[in-house]
């Protein structure tokens, strides 16, 4: 999707006639491409962070159930280990 947007932006006109002079739009096009790349990078970073939090919760729940089935001693050891991992 981002590549499509970049391709579309690169196809924009390089010059624009404005009454008595010709305006060069190269810098504007490059700025649009760099801004769209920054937005894409921020969205990817947000999704990665969201998934990281979900994975931490899933691992915690899995360890909790495993420890509970193993008994009280293992439960205490695993919970303290998970707390060390998360924080």
PDB file of N, CA and C in Angstrom:
ATOM      1  N   UNK A   1       0.828  -1.188   0.000  1.00  0.00           N
ATOM      2  CA  UNK A   1       0.000   0.000   0.000  1.00  0.00           C
ATOM      3  C   UNK A   1       0.869   1.246   0.000  1.00  0.00           C
ATOM      4  N   UNK A   2       1.909   1.248   0.841  1.00  0.00           N
ATOM      5  CA  UNK A   2       2.797   2.402   0.873  1.00  0.00           C
ATOM      6  C   UNK A   2       3.535   2.546  -0.447  1.00  0.00           C
ATOM      7  N   UNK A   3       3.935   1.416  -1.027  1.00  0.00           N
ATOM      8  CA  UNK A   3       4.638   1.468  -2.306  1.00  0.00           C
ATOM      9  C   UNK A   3       3.748   2.031  -3.398  1.00  0.00           C
ATOM     10  N   UNK A   4       2.450   1.705  -3.347  1.00  0.00           N
ATOM     11  CA  UNK A   4       1.508   2.269  -4.314  1.00  0.00           C
ATOM     12  C   UNK A   4       1.422   3.785  -4.155  1.00  0.00           C
ATOM     13  N   UNK A   5       1.379   4.232  -2.909  1.00  0.00           N
ATOM     14  CA  UNK A   5       1.310   5.663  -2.643  1.00  0.00           C
ATOM     15  C   UNK A   5       2.577   6.366  -3.116  1.00  0.00           C
ATOM     16  N   UNK A   6       3.725   5.749  -2.865  1.00  0.00           N
ATOM     17  CA  UNK A   6       4.995   6.334  -3.311  1.00  0.00           C
ATOM     18  C   UNK A   6       5.038   6.411  -4.825  1.00  0.00           C
ATOM     19  N   UNK A   7       4.590   5.363  -5.487  1.00  0.00           N
ATOM     20  CA  UNK A   7       4.567   5.369  -6.952  1.00  0.00           C
ATOM     21  C   UNK A   7       3.630   6.448  -7.476  1.00  0.00           C
ATOM     22  N   UNK A   8       2.481   6.589  -6.829  1.00  0.00           N
ATOM     23  CA  UNK A   8       1.520   7.610  -7.243  1.00  0.00           C
ATOM     24  C   UNK A   8       2.089   9.013  -7.034  1.00  0.00           C
ATOM     25  N   UNK A   9       2.760   9.227  -5.913  1.00  0.00           N
ATOM     26  CA  UNK A   9       3.353  10.543  -5.654  1.00  0.00           C
ATOM     27  C   UNK A   9       4.486  10.844  -6.620  1.00  0.00           C
ATOM     28  N   UNK A  10       5.231   9.831  -7.009  1.00  0.00           N
ATOM     29  CA  UNK A  10       6.348  10.064  -7.941  1.00  0.00           C
ATOM     30  C   UNK A  10       5.846  10.386  -9.340  1.00  0.00           C
ATOM     31  N   UNK A  11       4.589  10.048  -9.640  1.00  0.00           N
ATOM     32  CA  UNK A  11       4.020  10.350 -10.948  1.00  0.00           C
ATOM     33  C   UNK A  11       3.413  11.752 -11.034  1.00  0.00           C
ATOM     34  N   UNK A  12       3.393  12.465  -9.916  1.00  0.00           N
ATOM     35  CA  UNK A  12       2.851  13.825  -9.935  1.00  0.00           C
ATOM     36  C   UNK A  12       3.697  14.718 -10.828  1.00  0.00           C
ATOM     37  N   UNK A  13       3.093  15.763 -11.311  1.00  0.00           N
ATOM     38  CA  UNK A  13       3.802  16.674 -12.205  1.00  0.00           C
ATOM     39  C   UNK A  13       4.991  17.311 -11.514  1.00  0.00           C
ATOM     40  N   UNK A  14       6.056  17.498 -12.268  1.00  0.00           N
ATOM     41  CA  UNK A  14       7.269  18.100 -11.724  1.00  0.00           C
ATOM     42  C   UNK A  14       7.180  19.620 -11.797  1.00  0.00           C
ATOM     43  N   UNK A  15       6.470  20.119 -12.783  1.00  0.00           N
ATOM     44  CA  UNK A  15       6.326  21.573 -12.918  1.00  0.00           C
ATOM     45  C   UNK A  15       4.843  21.920 -13.019  1.00  0.00           C
ATOM     46  N   UNK A  16       4.539  23.136 -12.623  1.00  0.00           N
ATOM     47  CA  UNK A  16       3.176  23.648 -12.734  1.00  0.00           C
ATOM     48  C   UNK A  16       3.243  25.073 -13.260  1.00  0.00           C
ATOM     49  N   UNK A  17       2.516  25.332 -14.325  1.00  0.00           N
ATOM     50  CA  UNK A  17       2.491  26.680 -14.895  1.00  0.00           C
ATOM     51  C   UNK A  17       1.562  27.558 -14.069  1.00  0.00           C
ATOM     52  N   UNK A  18       2.110  28.661 -13.590  1.00  0.00           N
ATOM     53  CA  UNK A  18       1.333  29.603 -12.798  1.00  0.00           C
ATOM     54  C   UNK A  18       1.487  30.968 -13.461  1.00  0.00           C
ATOM     55  N   UNK A  19       0.492  31.354 -14.221  1.00  0.00           N
ATOM     56  CA  UNK A  19       0.448  32.623 -14.963  1.00  0.00           C
ATOM     57  C   UNK A  19       1.766  32.934 -15.681  1.00  0.00           C
ATOM     58  N   UNK A  20       2.606  33.787 -15.092  1.00  0.00           N
ATOM     59  CA  UNK A  20       3.791  34.271 -15.785  1.00  0.00           C
ATOM     60  C   UNK A  20       5.044  33.440 -15.551  1.00  0.00           C
ATOM     61  N   UNK A  21       5.018  32.495 -14.661  1.00  0.00           N
ATOM     62  CA  UNK A  21       6.218  31.705 -14.382  1.00  0.00           C
ATOM     63  C   UNK A  21       5.871  30.223 -14.208  1.00  0.00           C
ATOM     64  N   UNK A  22       6.904  29.414 -14.222  1.00  0.00           N
ATOM     65  CA  UNK A  22       6.734  27.971 -14.084  1.00  0.00           C
ATOM     66  C   UNK A  22       7.267  27.551 -12.716  1.00  0.00           C
ATOM     67  N   UNK A  23       6.451  26.880 -11.934  1.00  0.00           N
ATOM     68  CA  UNK A  23       6.798  26.489 -10.576  1.00  0.00           C
ATOM     69  C   UNK A  23       7.317  25.055 -10.562  1.00  0.00           C
ATOM     70  N   UNK A  24       8.485  24.847  -9.962  1.00  0.00           N
ATOM     71  CA  UNK A  24       9.075  23.513  -9.845  1.00  0.00           C
ATOM     72  C   UNK A  24       8.509  22.828  -8.596  1.00  0.00           C
ATOM     73  N   UNK A  25       7.890  21.669  -8.770  1.00  0.00           N
ATOM     74  CA  UNK A  25       7.204  20.968  -7.677  1.00  0.00           C
ATOM     75  C   UNK A  25       8.002  19.783  -7.141  1.00  0.00           C
ATOM     76  N   UNK A  26       9.249  19.653  -7.523  1.00  0.00           N
ATOM     77  CA  UNK A  26      10.045  18.495  -7.118  1.00  0.00           C
ATOM     78  C   UNK A  26      10.166  18.405  -5.599  1.00  0.00           C
ATOM     79  N   UNK A  27      10.478  19.522  -4.961  1.00  0.00           N
ATOM     80  CA  UNK A  27      10.629  19.509  -3.504  1.00  0.00           C
ATOM     81  C   UNK A  27       9.321  19.192  -2.794  1.00  0.00           C
ATOM     82  N   UNK A  28       8.218  19.676  -3.318  1.00  0.00           N
ATOM     83  CA  UNK A  28       6.913  19.391  -2.727  1.00  0.00           C
ATOM     84  C   UNK A  28       6.621  17.893  -2.818  1.00  0.00           C
ATOM     85  N   UNK A  29       6.892  17.301  -3.980  1.00  0.00           N
ATOM     86  CA  UNK A  29       6.666  15.863  -4.161  1.00  0.00           C
ATOM     87  C   UNK A  29       7.554  15.050  -3.225  1.00  0.00           C
ATOM     88  N   UNK A  30       8.810  15.436  -3.102  1.00  0.00           N
ATOM     89  CA  UNK A  30       9.714  14.719  -2.202  1.00  0.00           C
ATOM     90  C   UNK A  30       9.266  14.853  -0.750  1.00  0.00           C
ATOM     91  N   UNK A  31       8.779  16.034  -0.392  1.00  0.00           N
ATOM     92  CA  UNK A  31       8.277  16.245   0.972  1.00  0.00           C
ATOM     93  C   UNK A  31       7.054  15.369   1.245  1.00  0.00           C
ATOM     94  N   UNK A  32       6.156  15.271   0.282  1.00  0.00           N
ATOM     95  CA  UNK A  32       4.984  14.403   0.440  1.00  0.00           C
ATOM     96  C   UNK A  32       5.395  12.948   0.633  1.00  0.00           C
ATOM     97  N   UNK A  33       6.393  12.499  -0.125  1.00  0.00           N
ATOM     98  CA  UNK A  33       6.854  11.116   0.003  1.00  0.00           C
ATOM     99  C   UNK A  33       7.503  10.872   1.364  1.00  0.00           C
ATOM    100  N   UNK A  34       8.309  11.826   1.832  1.00  0.00           N
ATOM    101  CA  UNK A  34       8.960  11.640   3.130  1.00  0.00           C
ATOM    102  C   UNK A  34       7.930  11.667   4.268  1.00  0.00           C
ATOM    103  N   UNK A  35       6.921  12.519   4.163  1.00  0.00           N
ATOM    104  CA  UNK A  35       5.873  12.558   5.191  1.00  0.00           C
ATOM    105  C   UNK A  35       5.065  11.264   5.225  1.00  0.00           C
ATOM    106  N   UNK A  36       4.750  10.735   4.048  1.00  0.00           N
ATOM    107  CA  UNK A  36       3.994   9.480   4.017  1.00  0.00           C
ATOM    108  C   UNK A  36       4.834   8.337   4.578  1.00  0.00           C
ATOM    109  N   UNK A  37       6.145   8.356   4.349  1.00  0.00           N
ATOM    110  CA  UNK A  37       7.027   7.326   4.905  1.00  0.00           C
ATOM    111  C   UNK A  37       7.069   7.429   6.428  1.00  0.00           C
ATOM    112  N   UNK A  38       7.116   8.656   6.964  1.00  0.00           N
ATOM    113  CA  UNK A  38       7.119   8.844   8.419  1.00  0.00           C
ATOM    114  C   UNK A  38       5.815   8.345   9.040  1.00  0.00           C
ATOM    115  N   UNK A  39       4.702   8.629   8.389  1.00  0.00           N
ATOM    116  CA  UNK A  39       3.409   8.174   8.899  1.00  0.00           C
ATOM    117  C   UNK A  39       3.347   6.649   8.889  1.00  0.00           C
ATOM    118  N   UNK A  40       3.830   6.038   7.808  1.00  0.00           N
ATOM    119  CA  UNK A  40       3.842   4.576   7.740  1.00  0.00           C
ATOM    120  C   UNK A  40       4.693   3.992   8.856  1.00  0.00           C
ATOM    121  N   UNK A  41       5.873   4.567   9.080  1.00  0.00           N
ATOM    122  CA  UNK A  41       6.768   4.067  10.128  1.00  0.00           C
ATOM    123  C   UNK A  41       6.137   4.186  11.512  1.00  0.00           C
ATOM    124  N   UNK A  42       5.434   5.278  11.755  1.00  0.00           N
ATOM    125  CA  UNK A  42       4.764   5.449  13.049  1.00  0.00           C
ATOM    126  C   UNK A  42       3.644   4.437  13.245  1.00  0.00           C
ATOM    127  N   UNK A  43       2.894   4.156  12.168  1.00  0.00           N
ATOM    128  CA  UNK A  43       1.830   3.159  12.252  1.00  0.00           C
ATOM    129  C   UNK A  43       2.393   1.767  12.515  1.00  0.00           C
ATOM    130  N   UNK A  44       3.483   1.425  11.851  1.00  0.00           N
ATOM    131  CA  UNK A  44       4.110   0.121  12.056  1.00  0.00           C
ATOM    132  C   UNK A  44       4.615   0.011  13.486  1.00  0.00           C
ATOM    133  N   UNK A  45       5.254   1.065  13.985  1.00  0.00           N
ATOM    134  CA  UNK A  45       5.765   1.055  15.357  1.00  0.00           C
ATOM    135  C   UNK A  45       4.623   0.897  16.369  1.00  0.00           C
ATOM    136  N   UNK A  46       3.509   1.579  16.128  1.00  0.00           N
ATOM    137  CA  UNK A  46       2.354   1.466  17.017  1.00  0.00           C
ATOM    138  C   UNK A  46       1.834   0.032  17.050  1.00  0.00           C
ATOM    139  N   UNK A  47       1.683  -0.589  15.880  1.00  0.00           N
ATOM    140  CA  UNK A  47       1.180  -1.961  15.817  1.00  0.00           C
ATOM    141  C   UNK A  47       2.134  -2.941  16.488  1.00  0.00           C
ATOM    142  N   UNK A  48       3.430  -2.740  16.304  1.00  0.00           N
ATOM    143  CA  UNK A  48       4.415  -3.617  16.948  1.00  0.00           C
ATOM    144  C   UNK A  48       4.307  -3.512  18.458  1.00  0.00           C
ATOM    145  N   UNK A  49       4.187  -2.306  18.976  1.00  0.00           N
ATOM    146  CA  UNK A  49       4.062  -2.111  20.431  1.00  0.00           C
ATOM    147  C   UNK A  49       2.771  -2.720  20.972  1.00  0.00           C
ATOM    148  N   UNK A  50       1.672  -2.563  20.234  1.00  0.00           N
ATOM    149  CA  UNK A  50       0.408  -3.156  20.653  1.00  0.00           C
ATOM    150  C   UNK A  50       0.522  -4.681  20.715  1.00  0.00           C
ATOM    151  N   UNK A  51       1.099  -5.273  19.688  1.00  0.00           N
ATOM    152  CA  UNK A  51       1.255  -6.730  19.660  1.00  0.00           C
ATOM    153  C   UNK A  51       2.204  -7.215  20.750  1.00  0.00           C
ATOM    154  N   UNK A  52       3.211  -6.433  21.052  1.00  0.00           N
ATOM    155  CA  UNK A  52       4.146  -6.798  22.116  1.00  0.00           C
ATOM    156  C   UNK A  52       3.415  -6.873  23.457  1.00  0.00           C
ATOM    157  N   UNK A  53       2.539  -5.917  23.720  1.00  0.00           N
ATOM    158  CA  UNK A  53       1.775  -5.932  24.969  1.00  0.00           C
ATOM    159  C   UNK A  53       0.821  -7.130  25.029  1.00  0.00           C
ATOM    160  N   UNK A  54       0.182  -7.421  23.923  1.00  0.00           N
ATOM    161  CA  UNK A  54      -0.727  -8.571  23.877  1.00  0.00           C
ATOM    162  C   UNK A  54       0.046  -9.863  24.125  1.00  0.00           C
ATOM    163  N   UNK A  55       1.221  -9.983  23.519  1.00  0.00           N
ATOM    164  CA  UNK A  55       2.038 -11.184  23.705  1.00  0.00           C
ATOM    165  C   UNK A  55       2.489 -11.339  25.152  1.00  0.00           C
ATOM    166  N   UNK A  56       2.852 -10.232  25.803  1.00  0.00           N
ATOM    167  CA  UNK A  56       3.255 -10.300  27.213  1.00  0.00           C
ATOM    168  C   UNK A  56       2.121 -10.838  28.077  1.00  0.00           C
ATOM    169  N   UNK A  57       0.901 -10.353  27.827  1.00  0.00           N
ATOM    170  CA  UNK A  57      -0.249 -10.819  28.595  1.00  0.00           C
ATOM    171  C   UNK A  57      -0.505 -12.304  28.338  1.00  0.00           C
ATOM    172  N   UNK A  58      -0.386 -12.710  27.094  1.00  0.00           N
ATOM    173  CA  UNK A  58      -0.614 -14.115  26.751  1.00  0.00           C
ATOM    174  C   UNK A  58       0.407 -15.011  27.437  1.00  0.00           C
ATOM    175  N   UNK A  59       1.678 -14.618  27.412  1.00  0.00           N
ATOM    176  CA  UNK A  59       2.722 -15.402  28.065  1.00  0.00           C
ATOM    177  C   UNK A  59       2.471 -15.473  29.563  1.00  0.00           C
ATOM    178  N   UNK A  60       2.066 -14.381  30.155  1.00  0.00           N
ATOM    179  CA  UNK A  60       1.784 -14.363  31.585  1.00  0.00           C
ATOM    180  C   UNK A  60       0.673 -15.348  31.931  1.00  0.00           C
ATOM    181  N   UNK A  61      -0.399 -15.332  31.166  1.00  0.00           N
ATOM    182  CA  UNK A  61      -1.532 -16.230  31.430  1.00  0.00           C
ATOM    183  C   UNK A  61      -1.107 -17.682  31.238  1.00  0.00           C
ATOM    184  N   UNK A  62      -0.330 -17.969  30.200  1.00  0.00           N
ATOM    185  CA  UNK A  62       0.119 -19.339  29.950  1.00  0.00           C
ATOM    186  C   UNK A  62       0.994 -19.838  31.104  1.00  0.00           C
ATOM    187  N   UNK A  63       1.935 -18.996  31.552  1.00  0.00           N
ATOM    188  CA  UNK A  63       2.777 -19.387  32.682  1.00  0.00           C
ATOM    189  C   UNK A  63       1.958 -19.551  33.960  1.00  0.00           C
ATOM    190  N   UNK A  64       0.971 -18.706  34.145  1.00  0.00           N
ATOM    191  CA  UNK A  64       0.129 -18.782  35.339  1.00  0.00           C
ATOM    192  C   UNK A  64      -0.590 -20.130  35.402  1.00  0.00           C
ATOM    193  N   UNK A  65      -1.182 -20.530  34.282  1.00  0.00           N
ATOM    194  CA  UNK A  65      -1.903 -21.807  34.258  1.00  0.00           C
ATOM    195  C   UNK A  65      -0.946 -22.987  34.410  1.00  0.00           C
ATOM    196  N   UNK A  66       0.232 -22.908  33.811  1.00  0.00           N
ATOM    197  CA  UNK A  66       1.222 -23.973  33.941  1.00  0.00           C
ATOM    198  C   UNK A  66       1.672 -24.104  35.387  1.00  0.00           C
ATOM    199  N   UNK A  67       1.961 -22.969  36.003  1.00  0.00           N
ATOM    200  CA  UNK A  67       2.430 -22.987  37.394  1.00  0.00           C
ATOM    201  C   UNK A  67       1.347 -23.511  38.327  1.00  0.00           C
ATOM    202  N   UNK A  68       0.118 -23.120  38.070  1.00  0.00           N
ATOM    203  CA  UNK A  68      -0.975 -23.566  38.922  1.00  0.00           C
ATOM    204  C   UNK A  68      -1.158 -25.080  38.841  1.00  0.00           C
ATOM    205  N   UNK A  69      -0.943 -25.619  37.658  1.00  0.00           N
ATOM    206  CA  UNK A  69      -1.099 -27.072  37.522  1.00  0.00           C
ATOM    207  C   UNK A  69       0.086 -27.825  38.128  1.00  0.00           C
ATOM    208  N   UNK A  70       1.250 -27.199  38.231  1.00  0.00           N
ATOM    209  CA  UNK A  70       2.425 -27.866  38.792  1.00  0.00           C
ATOM    210  C   UNK A  70       2.433 -27.857  40.321  1.00  0.00           C
ATOM    211  N   UNK A  71       1.790 -26.927  40.909  1.00  0.00           N
ATOM    212  CA  UNK A  71       1.732 -26.889  42.363  1.00  0.00           C
ATOM    213  C   UNK A  71       2.144 -25.537  42.913  1.00  0.00           C
ATOM    214  N   UNK A  72       2.023 -25.407  44.215  1.00  0.00           N
ATOM    215  CA  UNK A  72       2.250 -24.131  44.881  1.00  0.00           C
ATOM    216  C   UNK A  72       3.688 -23.652  44.765  1.00  0.00           C
ATOM    217  N   UNK A  73       4.650 -24.528  44.949  1.00  0.00           N
ATOM    218  CA  UNK A  73       6.052 -24.113  44.926  1.00  0.00           C
ATOM    219  C   UNK A  73       6.435 -23.587  43.546  1.00  0.00           C
ATOM    220  N   UNK A  74       6.085 -24.335  42.518  1.00  0.00           N
ATOM    221  CA  UNK A  74       6.409 -23.902  41.158  1.00  0.00           C
ATOM    222  C   UNK A  74       5.644 -22.639  40.790  1.00  0.00           C
ATOM    223  N   UNK A  75       4.453 -22.510  41.345  1.00  0.00           N
ATOM    224  CA  UNK A  75       3.648 -21.316  41.099  1.00  0.00           C
ATOM    225  C   UNK A  75       4.389 -20.072  41.577  1.00  0.00           C
ATOM    226  N   UNK A  76       4.920 -20.112  42.769  1.00  0.00           N
ATOM    227  CA  UNK A  76       5.647 -18.959  43.327  1.00  0.00           C
ATOM    228  C   UNK A  76       6.890 -18.662  42.503  1.00  0.00           C
ATOM    229  N   UNK A  77       7.628 -19.684  42.123  1.00  0.00           N
ATOM    230  CA  UNK A  77       8.848 -19.501  41.337  1.00  0.00           C
ATOM    231  C   UNK A  77       8.531 -18.907  39.969  1.00  0.00           C
ATOM    232  N   UNK A  78       7.538 -19.457  39.288  1.00  0.00           N
ATOM    233  CA  UNK A  78       7.210 -18.967  37.943  1.00  0.00           C
ATOM    234  C   UNK A  78       6.631 -17.563  37.967  1.00  0.00           C
ATOM    235  N   UNK A  79       5.808 -17.258  38.929  1.00  0.00           N
ATOM    236  CA  UNK A  79       5.234 -15.909  39.012  1.00  0.00           C
ATOM    237  C   UNK A  79       6.332 -14.882  39.256  1.00  0.00           C
ATOM    238  N   UNK A  80       7.266 -15.201  40.147  1.00  0.00           N
ATOM    239  CA  UNK A  80       8.359 -14.258  40.387  1.00  0.00           C
ATOM    240  C   UNK A  80       9.233 -14.117  39.143  1.00  0.00           C
ATOM    241  N   UNK A  81       9.420 -15.187  38.397  1.00  0.00           N
ATOM    242  CA  UNK A  81      10.201 -15.135  37.148  1.00  0.00           C
ATOM    243  C   UNK A  81       9.489 -14.274  36.102  1.00  0.00           C
ATOM    244  N   UNK A  82       8.194 -14.437  35.999  1.00  0.00           N
ATOM    245  CA  UNK A  82       7.423 -13.651  35.027  1.00  0.00           C
ATOM    246  C   UNK A  82       7.462 -12.175  35.385  1.00  0.00           C
ATOM    247  N   UNK A  83       7.344 -11.892  36.652  1.00  0.00           N
ATOM    248  CA  UNK A  83       7.396 -10.485  37.086  1.00  0.00           C
ATOM    249  C   UNK A  83       8.739  -9.877  36.718  1.00  0.00           C
ATOM    250  N   UNK A  84       9.812 -10.638  36.851  1.00  0.00           N
ATOM    251  CA  UNK A  84      11.125 -10.146  36.455  1.00  0.00           C
ATOM    252  C   UNK A  84      11.184  -9.908  34.953  1.00  0.00           C
ATOM    253  N   UNK A  85      10.560 -10.766  34.147  1.00  0.00           N
ATOM    254  CA  UNK A  85      10.573 -10.617  32.695  1.00  0.00           C
ATOM    255  C   UNK A  85       9.778  -9.401  32.244  1.00  0.00           C
ATOM    256  N   UNK A  86       8.619  -9.227  32.831  1.00  0.00           N
ATOM    257  CA  UNK A  86       7.717  -8.155  32.392  1.00  0.00           C
ATOM    258  C   UNK A  86       8.245  -6.786  32.793  1.00  0.00           C
ATOM    259  N   UNK A  87       8.810  -6.709  33.988  1.00  0.00           N
ATOM    260  CA  UNK A  87       9.260  -5.406  34.456  1.00  0.00           C
ATOM    261  C   UNK A  87      10.746  -5.373  34.389  1.00  0.00           C
TER     262      UNK A  87
END
